[in-house]
Amino acid sequence: MGQDDAMGRVTRRHAVLRVGPEETIRRIDSLAVEEPLEIRLNGEPYLVTMRTPGNDVDLVHGLLYSEGIISERSDIVLARYCAGVRC
């Protein structure tokens, strides 16, 4: 598996309007990126969650553990990114 940050950027430069008590400023700022992540179990869709890209596999393992779907490392056979709809 490649690096998680290869799947998307964590921040994006975007024009913003900053409104303060004494002035309003237009400028370019760095914003956190949030993207959907579909989780599939045995090839079947389980859920879609929004997340900042990075450490996706760890995020999924923690979520599955907290949901009681897995209880130990040996419960996981394979974790990978799907390039298309079929995995």
PDB file of N, CA and C in Angstrom:
ATOM      1  N   MET A   1       0.842  -1.177   0.000  1.00  0.00           N
ATOM      2  CA  MET A   1       0.000   0.000   0.000  1.00  0.00           C
ATOM      3  C   MET A   1       0.888   1.241   0.000  1.00  0.00           C
ATOM      4  N   GLY A   2       0.487   2.263  -0.740  1.00  0.00           N
ATOM      5  CA  GLY A   2       1.250   3.504  -0.808  1.00  0.00           C
ATOM      6  C   GLY A   2       0.955   4.389   0.387  1.00  0.00           C
ATOM      7  N   GLN A   3       1.580   5.538   0.381  1.00  0.00           N
ATOM      8  CA  GLN A   3       1.344   6.487   1.471  1.00  0.00           C
ATOM      9  C   GLN A   3      -0.075   7.014   1.396  1.00  0.00           C
ATOM     10  N   ASP A   4      -0.692   7.169   2.543  1.00  0.00           N
ATOM     11  CA  ASP A   4      -2.068   7.660   2.586  1.00  0.00           C
ATOM     12  C   ASP A   4      -2.207   9.041   1.971  1.00  0.00           C
ATOM     13  N   ASP A   5      -1.206   9.900   2.164  1.00  0.00           N
ATOM     14  CA  ASP A   5      -1.351  11.260   1.650  1.00  0.00           C
ATOM     15  C   ASP A   5      -1.269  11.301   0.131  1.00  0.00           C
ATOM     16  N   ALA A   6      -0.911  10.193  -0.514  1.00  0.00           N
ATOM     17  CA  ALA A   6      -0.931  10.130  -1.963  1.00  0.00           C
ATOM     18  C   ALA A   6      -2.368  10.082  -2.484  1.00  0.00           C
ATOM     19  N   MET A   7      -3.309   9.737  -1.644  1.00  0.00           N
ATOM     20  CA  MET A   7      -4.705   9.645  -2.052  1.00  0.00           C
ATOM     21  C   MET A   7      -5.360  11.023  -2.136  1.00  0.00           C
ATOM     22  N   GLY A   8      -4.784  12.019  -1.574  1.00  0.00           N
ATOM     23  CA  GLY A   8      -5.361  13.352  -1.607  1.00  0.00           C
ATOM     24  C   GLY A   8      -4.550  14.297  -0.755  1.00  0.00           C
ATOM     25  N   ARG A   9      -4.788  15.576  -0.947  1.00  0.00           N
ATOM     26  CA  ARG A   9      -4.064  16.572  -0.168  1.00  0.00           C
ATOM     27  C   ARG A   9      -4.771  16.827   1.149  1.00  0.00           C
ATOM     28  N   VAL A  10      -4.010  17.153   2.164  1.00  0.00           N
ATOM     29  CA  VAL A  10      -4.564  17.419   3.488  1.00  0.00           C
ATOM     30  C   VAL A  10      -5.057  18.857   3.586  1.00  0.00           C
ATOM     31  N   THR A  11      -4.431  19.782   2.853  1.00  0.00           N
ATOM     32  CA  THR A  11      -4.874  21.174   2.831  1.00  0.00           C
ATOM     33  C   THR A  11      -5.007  21.640   1.387  1.00  0.00           C
ATOM     34  N   ARG A  12      -5.757  22.706   1.218  1.00  0.00           N
ATOM     35  CA  ARG A  12      -5.945  23.305  -0.096  1.00  0.00           C
ATOM     36  C   ARG A  12      -5.917  24.822   0.069  1.00  0.00           C
ATOM     37  N   ARG A  13      -5.290  25.507  -0.850  1.00  0.00           N
ATOM     38  CA  ARG A  13      -5.270  26.972  -0.845  1.00  0.00           C
ATOM     39  C   ARG A  13      -6.580  27.463  -1.450  1.00  0.00           C
ATOM     40  N   HIS A  14      -7.223  28.432  -0.779  1.00  0.00           N
ATOM     41  CA  HIS A  14      -8.533  28.904  -1.225  1.00  0.00           C
ATOM     42  C   HIS A  14      -8.707  30.370  -0.818  1.00  0.00           C
ATOM     43  N   ALA A  15      -9.408  31.122  -1.650  1.00  0.00           N
ATOM     44  CA  ALA A  15      -9.700  32.522  -1.324  1.00  0.00           C
ATOM     45  C   ALA A  15     -10.724  32.572  -0.190  1.00  0.00           C
ATOM     46  N   VAL A  16     -10.455  33.401   0.811  1.00  0.00           N
ATOM     47  CA  VAL A  16     -11.368  33.563   1.943  1.00  0.00           C
ATOM     48  C   VAL A  16     -11.587  35.041   2.230  1.00  0.00           C
ATOM     49  N   LEU A  17     -12.650  35.315   2.933  1.00  0.00           N
ATOM     50  CA  LEU A  17     -12.952  36.663   3.389  1.00  0.00           C
ATOM     51  C   LEU A  17     -12.876  36.645   4.904  1.00  0.00           C
ATOM     52  N   ARG A  18     -11.887  37.336   5.452  1.00  0.00           N
ATOM     53  CA  ARG A  18     -11.704  37.380   6.904  1.00  0.00           C
ATOM     54  C   ARG A  18     -12.358  38.660   7.427  1.00  0.00           C
ATOM     55  N   VAL A  19     -13.369  38.476   8.279  1.00  0.00           N
ATOM     56  CA  VAL A  19     -14.121  39.607   8.822  1.00  0.00           C
ATOM     57  C   VAL A  19     -13.690  39.807  10.259  1.00  0.00           C
ATOM     58  N   GLY A  20     -13.134  40.979  10.528  1.00  0.00           N
ATOM     59  CA  GLY A  20     -12.707  41.318  11.874  1.00  0.00           C
ATOM     60  C   GLY A  20     -13.504  42.480  12.411  1.00  0.00           C
ATOM     61  N   PRO A  21     -13.280  42.858  13.661  1.00  0.00           N
ATOM     62  CA  PRO A  21     -14.046  43.953  14.261  1.00  0.00           C
ATOM     63  C   PRO A  21     -13.752  45.310  13.606  1.00  0.00           C
ATOM     64  N   GLU A  22     -12.573  45.442  13.002  1.00  0.00           N
ATOM     65  CA  GLU A  22     -12.202  46.742  12.432  1.00  0.00           C
ATOM     66  C   GLU A  22     -12.006  46.725  10.922  1.00  0.00           C
ATOM     67  N   GLU A  23     -11.843  45.538  10.344  1.00  0.00           N
ATOM     68  CA  GLU A  23     -11.621  45.489   8.901  1.00  0.00           C
ATOM     69  C   GLU A  23     -12.012  44.130   8.321  1.00  0.00           C
ATOM     70  N   THR A  24     -12.213  44.143   7.009  1.00  0.00           N
ATOM     71  CA  THR A  24     -12.493  42.924   6.263  1.00  0.00           C
ATOM     72  C   THR A  24     -11.370  42.750   5.251  1.00  0.00           C
ATOM     73  N   ILE A  25     -10.798  41.543   5.212  1.00  0.00           N
ATOM     74  CA  ILE A  25      -9.644  41.287   4.346  1.00  0.00           C
ATOM     75  C   ILE A  25      -9.926  40.077   3.465  1.00  0.00           C
ATOM     76  N   ARG A  26      -9.690  40.232   2.164  1.00  0.00           N
ATOM     77  CA  ARG A  26      -9.733  39.095   1.242  1.00  0.00           C
ATOM     78  C   ARG A  26      -8.313  38.583   1.095  1.00  0.00           C
ATOM     79  N   ARG A  27      -8.135  37.267   1.237  1.00  0.00           N
ATOM     80  CA  ARG A  27      -6.802  36.701   1.097  1.00  0.00           C
ATOM     81  C   ARG A  27      -6.894  35.219   0.769  1.00  0.00           C
ATOM     82  N   ILE A  28      -5.781  34.654   0.392  1.00  0.00           N
ATOM     83  CA  ILE A  28      -5.680  33.221   0.150  1.00  0.00           C
ATOM     84  C   ILE A  28      -5.246  32.575   1.465  1.00  0.00           C
ATOM     85  N   ASP A  29      -5.907  31.483   1.842  1.00  0.00           N
ATOM     86  CA  ASP A  29      -5.595  30.820   3.098  1.00  0.00           C
ATOM     87  C   ASP A  29      -5.552  29.310   2.872  1.00  0.00           C
ATOM     88  N   SER A  30      -4.931  28.594   3.787  1.00  0.00           N
ATOM     89  CA  SER A  30      -4.899  27.131   3.738  1.00  0.00           C
ATOM     90  C   SER A  30      -6.085  26.583   4.516  1.00  0.00           C
ATOM     91  N   LEU A  31      -6.838  25.705   3.892  1.00  0.00           N
ATOM     92  CA  LEU A  31      -8.004  25.103   4.523  1.00  0.00           C
ATOM     93  C   LEU A  31      -7.825  23.593   4.573  1.00  0.00           C
ATOM     94  N   ALA A  32      -8.326  22.973   5.618  1.00  0.00           N
ATOM     95  CA  ALA A  32      -8.283  21.514   5.722  1.00  0.00           C
ATOM     96  C   ALA A  32      -9.217  20.919   4.677  1.00  0.00           C
ATOM     97  N   VAL A  33      -8.770  19.846   4.063  1.00  0.00           N
ATOM     98  CA  VAL A  33      -9.568  19.149   3.068  1.00  0.00           C
ATOM     99  C   VAL A  33     -10.315  18.013   3.759  1.00  0.00           C
ATOM    100  N   GLU A  34     -11.547  17.835   3.385  1.00  0.00           N
ATOM    101  CA  GLU A  34     -12.329  16.715   3.898  1.00  0.00           C
ATOM    102  C   GLU A  34     -12.901  15.981   2.693  1.00  0.00           C
ATOM    103  N   GLU A  35     -12.719  14.665   2.672  1.00  0.00           N
ATOM    104  CA  GLU A  35     -13.185  13.852   1.559  1.00  0.00           C
ATOM    105  C   GLU A  35     -13.905  12.618   2.088  1.00  0.00           C
ATOM    106  N   PRO A  36     -14.832  12.069   1.286  1.00  0.00           N
ATOM    107  CA  PRO A  36     -15.518  10.847   1.711  1.00  0.00           C
ATOM    108  C   PRO A  36     -14.606   9.632   1.582  1.00  0.00           C
ATOM    109  N   LEU A  37     -14.805   8.672   2.450  1.00  0.00           N
ATOM    110  CA  LEU A  37     -14.091   7.395   2.406  1.00  0.00           C
ATOM    111  C   LEU A  37     -15.138   6.297   2.560  1.00  0.00           C
ATOM    112  N   GLU A  38     -15.302   5.480   1.523  1.00  0.00           N
ATOM    113  CA  GLU A  38     -16.226   4.352   1.611  1.00  0.00           C
ATOM    114  C   GLU A  38     -15.478   3.157   2.168  1.00  0.00           C
ATOM    115  N   ILE A  39     -16.043   2.526   3.160  1.00  0.00           N
ATOM    116  CA  ILE A  39     -15.461   1.335   3.773  1.00  0.00           C
ATOM    117  C   ILE A  39     -16.280   0.140   3.315  1.00  0.00           C
ATOM    118  N   ARG A  40     -15.586  -0.869   2.803  1.00  0.00           N
ATOM    119  CA  ARG A  40     -16.240  -2.095   2.354  1.00  0.00           C
ATOM    120  C   ARG A  40     -15.742  -3.257   3.183  1.00  0.00           C
ATOM    121  N   LEU A  41     -16.630  -4.167   3.507  1.00  0.00           N
ATOM    122  CA  LEU A  41     -16.273  -5.385   4.221  1.00  0.00           C
ATOM    123  C   LEU A  41     -16.604  -6.551   3.313  1.00  0.00           C
ATOM    124  N   ASN A  42     -15.588  -7.363   3.024  1.00  0.00           N
ATOM    125  CA  ASN A  42     -15.766  -8.500   2.098  1.00  0.00           C
ATOM    126  C   ASN A  42     -16.350  -8.046   0.768  1.00  0.00           C
ATOM    127  N   GLY A  43     -15.926  -6.871   0.287  1.00  0.00           N
ATOM    128  CA  GLY A  43     -16.369  -6.358  -1.000  1.00  0.00           C
ATOM    129  C   GLY A  43     -17.706  -5.662  -0.993  1.00  0.00           C
ATOM    130  N   GLU A  44     -18.420  -5.681   0.123  1.00  0.00           N
ATOM    131  CA  GLU A  44     -19.735  -5.057   0.221  1.00  0.00           C
ATOM    132  C   GLU A  44     -19.632  -3.715   0.947  1.00  0.00           C
ATOM    133  N   PRO A  45     -20.339  -2.684   0.452  1.00  0.00           N
ATOM    134  CA  PRO A  45     -20.309  -1.388   1.133  1.00  0.00           C
ATOM    135  C   PRO A  45     -20.775  -1.515   2.581  1.00  0.00           C
ATOM    136  N   TYR A  46     -20.026  -0.908   3.494  1.00  0.00           N
ATOM    137  CA  TYR A  46     -20.391  -0.906   4.918  1.00  0.00           C
ATOM    138  C   TYR A  46     -20.859   0.480   5.330  1.00  0.00           C
ATOM    139  N   LEU A  47     -20.008   1.489   5.100  1.00  0.00           N
ATOM    140  CA  LEU A  47     -20.390   2.864   5.415  1.00  0.00           C
ATOM    141  C   LEU A  47     -19.477   3.835   4.686  1.00  0.00           C
ATOM    142  N   VAL A  48     -19.923   5.075   4.630  1.00  0.00           N
ATOM    143  CA  VAL A  48     -19.122   6.170   4.091  1.00  0.00           C
ATOM    144  C   VAL A  48     -18.935   7.169   5.215  1.00  0.00           C
ATOM    145  N   THR A  49     -17.698   7.582   5.425  1.00  0.00           N
ATOM    146  CA  THR A  49     -17.397   8.571   6.454  1.00  0.00           C
ATOM    147  C   THR A  49     -16.594   9.704   5.826  1.00  0.00           C
ATOM    148  N   MET A  50     -16.704  10.863   6.384  1.00  0.00           N
ATOM    149  CA  MET A  50     -15.895  11.999   5.930  1.00  0.00           C
ATOM    150  C   MET A  50     -14.653  12.051   6.795  1.00  0.00           C
ATOM    151  N   ARG A  51     -13.509  12.348   6.131  1.00  0.00           N
ATOM    152  CA  ARG A  51     -12.250  12.409   6.872  1.00  0.00           C
ATOM    153  C   ARG A  51     -11.264  13.292   6.131  1.00  0.00           C
ATOM    154  N   THR A  52     -10.292  13.810   6.880  1.00  0.00           N
ATOM    155  CA  THR A  52      -9.140  14.469   6.273  1.00  0.00           C
ATOM    156  C   THR A  52      -8.222  13.355   5.797  1.00  0.00           C
ATOM    157  N   PRO A  53      -7.853  13.339   4.505  1.00  0.00           N
ATOM    158  CA  PRO A  53      -7.027  12.246   3.984  1.00  0.00           C
ATOM    159  C   PRO A  53      -5.736  12.057   4.779  1.00  0.00           C
ATOM    160  N   GLY A  54      -5.340  10.816   4.927  1.00  0.00           N
ATOM    161  CA  GLY A  54      -4.121  10.467   5.639  1.00  0.00           C
ATOM    162  C   GLY A  54      -4.414   9.436   6.710  1.00  0.00           C
ATOM    163  N   ASN A  55      -3.597   8.433   6.813  1.00  0.00           N
ATOM    164  CA  ASN A  55      -3.760   7.365   7.807  1.00  0.00           C
ATOM    165  C   ASN A  55      -5.123   6.692   7.702  1.00  0.00           C
ATOM    166  N   ASP A  56      -5.601   6.530   6.466  1.00  0.00           N
ATOM    167  CA  ASP A  56      -6.932   5.965   6.250  1.00  0.00           C
ATOM    168  C   ASP A  56      -7.069   4.545   6.797  1.00  0.00           C
ATOM    169  N   VAL A  57      -6.063   3.712   6.584  1.00  0.00           N
ATOM    170  CA  VAL A  57      -6.152   2.324   7.042  1.00  0.00           C
ATOM    171  C   VAL A  57      -6.237   2.276   8.565  1.00  0.00           C
ATOM    172  N   ASP A  58      -5.434   3.087   9.250  1.00  0.00           N
ATOM    173  CA  ASP A  58      -5.514   3.139  10.711  1.00  0.00           C
ATOM    174  C   ASP A  58      -6.890   3.630  11.169  1.00  0.00           C
ATOM    175  N   LEU A  59      -7.431   4.612  10.472  1.00  0.00           N
ATOM    176  CA  LEU A  59      -8.760   5.124  10.791  1.00  0.00           C
ATOM    177  C   LEU A  59      -9.802   4.011  10.677  1.00  0.00           C
ATOM    178  N   VAL A  60      -9.743   3.254   9.594  1.00  0.00           N
ATOM    179  CA  VAL A  60     -10.706   2.171   9.381  1.00  0.00           C
ATOM    180  C   VAL A  60     -10.544   1.080  10.435  1.00  0.00           C
ATOM    181  N   HIS A  61      -9.313   0.717  10.738  1.00  0.00           N
ATOM    182  CA  HIS A  61      -9.099  -0.319  11.768  1.00  0.00           C
ATOM    183  C   HIS A  61      -9.669   0.134  13.114  1.00  0.00           C
ATOM    184  N   GLY A  62      -9.428   1.375  13.488  1.00  0.00           N
ATOM    185  CA  GLY A  62      -9.970   1.894  14.744  1.00  0.00           C
ATOM    186  C   GLY A  62     -11.479   1.940  14.753  1.00  0.00           C
ATOM    187  N   LEU A  63     -12.067   2.345  13.632  1.00  0.00           N
ATOM    188  CA  LEU A  63     -13.523   2.401  13.536  1.00  0.00           C
ATOM    189  C   LEU A  63     -14.120   0.998  13.643  1.00  0.00           C
ATOM    190  N   LEU A  64     -13.547   0.036  12.928  1.00  0.00           N
ATOM    191  CA  LEU A  64     -14.065  -1.337  12.986  1.00  0.00           C
ATOM    192  C   LEU A  64     -13.892  -1.935  14.376  1.00  0.00           C
ATOM    193  N   TYR A  65     -12.812  -1.590  15.053  1.00  0.00           N
ATOM    194  CA  TYR A  65     -12.600  -2.064  16.425  1.00  0.00           C
ATOM    195  C   TYR A  65     -13.647  -1.459  17.365  1.00  0.00           C
ATOM    196  N   SER A  66     -13.857  -0.153  17.240  1.00  0.00           N
ATOM    197  CA  SER A  66     -14.815   0.507  18.132  1.00  0.00           C
ATOM    198  C   SER A  66     -16.248   0.050  17.873  1.00  0.00           C
ATOM    199  N   GLU A  67     -16.550  -0.384  16.648  1.00  0.00           N
ATOM    200  CA  GLU A  67     -17.881  -0.893  16.315  1.00  0.00           C
ATOM    201  C   GLU A  67     -18.050  -2.366  16.696  1.00  0.00           C
ATOM    202  N   GLY A  68     -16.971  -3.001  17.177  1.00  0.00           N
ATOM    203  CA  GLY A  68     -17.052  -4.402  17.579  1.00  0.00           C
ATOM    204  C   GLY A  68     -16.988  -5.385  16.416  1.00  0.00           C
ATOM    205  N   ILE A  69     -16.631  -4.912  15.233  1.00  0.00           N
ATOM    206  CA  ILE A  69     -16.550  -5.780  14.062  1.00  0.00           C
ATOM    207  C   ILE A  69     -15.257  -6.590  14.076  1.00  0.00           C
ATOM    208  N   ILE A  70     -14.191  -5.992  14.568  1.00  0.00           N
ATOM    209  CA  ILE A  70     -12.939  -6.712  14.773  1.00  0.00           C
ATOM    210  C   ILE A  70     -12.557  -6.583  16.237  1.00  0.00           C
ATOM    211  N   SER A  71     -11.805  -7.582  16.720  1.00  0.00           N
ATOM    212  CA  SER A  71     -11.369  -7.501  18.121  1.00  0.00           C
ATOM    213  C   SER A  71      -9.869  -7.697  18.267  1.00  0.00           C
ATOM    214  N   GLU A  72      -9.229  -8.177  17.211  1.00  0.00           N
ATOM    215  CA  GLU A  72      -7.778  -8.358  17.264  1.00  0.00           C
ATOM    216  C   GLU A  72      -7.197  -8.298  15.859  1.00  0.00           C
ATOM    217  N   ARG A  73      -5.903  -8.151  15.784  1.00  0.00           N
ATOM    218  CA  ARG A  73      -5.195  -7.979  14.521  1.00  0.00           C
ATOM    219  C   ARG A  73      -5.490  -9.100  13.523  1.00  0.00           C
ATOM    220  N   SER A  74      -5.604 -10.328  14.013  1.00  0.00           N
ATOM    221  CA  SER A  74      -5.826 -11.471  13.126  1.00  0.00           C
ATOM    222  C   SER A  74      -7.202 -11.452  12.457  1.00  0.00           C
ATOM    223  N   ASP A  75      -8.112 -10.568  12.901  1.00  0.00           N
ATOM    224  CA  ASP A  75      -9.423 -10.444  12.260  1.00  0.00           C
ATOM    225  C   ASP A  75      -9.325  -9.762  10.895  1.00  0.00           C
ATOM    226  N   ILE A  76      -8.197  -9.115  10.616  1.00  0.00           N
ATOM    227  CA  ILE A  76      -8.009  -8.393   9.361  1.00  0.00           C
ATOM    228  C   ILE A  76      -7.175  -9.251   8.417  1.00  0.00           C
ATOM    229  N   VAL A  77      -7.741  -9.545   7.254  1.00  0.00           N
ATOM    230  CA  VAL A  77      -7.034 -10.338   6.256  1.00  0.00           C
ATOM    231  C   VAL A  77      -6.350  -9.425   5.254  1.00  0.00           C
ATOM    232  N   LEU A  78      -7.035  -8.361   4.818  1.00  0.00           N
ATOM    233  CA  LEU A  78      -6.509  -7.464   3.796  1.00  0.00           C
ATOM    234  C   LEU A  78      -7.125  -6.087   3.975  1.00  0.00           C
ATOM    235  N   ALA A  79      -6.313  -5.062   3.815  1.00  0.00           N
ATOM    236  CA  ALA A  79      -6.795  -3.683   3.802  1.00  0.00           C
ATOM    237  C   ALA A  79      -6.119  -3.016   2.621  1.00  0.00           C
ATOM    238  N   ARG A  80      -6.935  -2.458   1.698  1.00  0.00           N
ATOM    239  CA  ARG A  80      -6.360  -1.822   0.512  1.00  0.00           C
ATOM    240  C   ARG A  80      -7.300  -0.766  -0.037  1.00  0.00           C
ATOM    241  N   TYR A  81      -6.718   0.106  -0.861  1.00  0.00           N
ATOM    242  CA  TYR A  81      -7.512   1.089  -1.571  1.00  0.00           C
ATOM    243  C   TYR A  81      -8.090   0.425  -2.813  1.00  0.00           C
ATOM    244  N   CYS A  82      -9.301   0.773  -3.157  1.00  0.00           N
ATOM    245  CA  CYS A  82      -9.928   0.281  -4.385  1.00  0.00           C
ATOM    246  C   CYS A  82      -9.797   1.361  -5.449  1.00  0.00           C
ATOM    247  N   ALA A  83      -9.343   0.981  -6.611  1.00  0.00           N
ATOM    248  CA  ALA A  83      -9.178   1.937  -7.696  1.00  0.00           C
ATOM    249  C   ALA A  83     -10.507   2.258  -8.361  1.00  0.00           C
ATOM    250  N   GLY A  84     -11.464   1.369  -8.294  1.00  0.00           N
ATOM    251  CA  GLY A  84     -12.742   1.575  -8.943  1.00  0.00           C
ATOM    252  C   GLY A  84     -13.884   1.121  -8.077  1.00  0.00           C
ATOM    253  N   VAL A  85     -15.019   0.908  -8.695  1.00  0.00           N
ATOM    254  CA  VAL A  85     -16.215   0.509  -7.953  1.00  0.00           C
ATOM    255  C   VAL A  85     -16.106  -0.930  -7.463  1.00  0.00           C
ATOM    256  N   ARG A  86     -15.504  -1.790  -8.239  1.00  0.00           N
ATOM    257  CA  ARG A  86     -15.391  -3.204  -7.847  1.00  0.00           C
ATOM    258  C   ARG A  86     -14.091  -3.455  -7.129  1.00  0.00           C
ATOM    259  N   CYS A  87     -14.155  -4.097  -5.977  1.00  0.00           N
ATOM    260  CA  CYS A  87     -12.963  -4.431  -5.202  1.00  0.00           C
ATOM    261  C   CYS A  87     -13.026  -5.873  -4.773  1.00  0.00           C
TER     262      CYS A  87
END
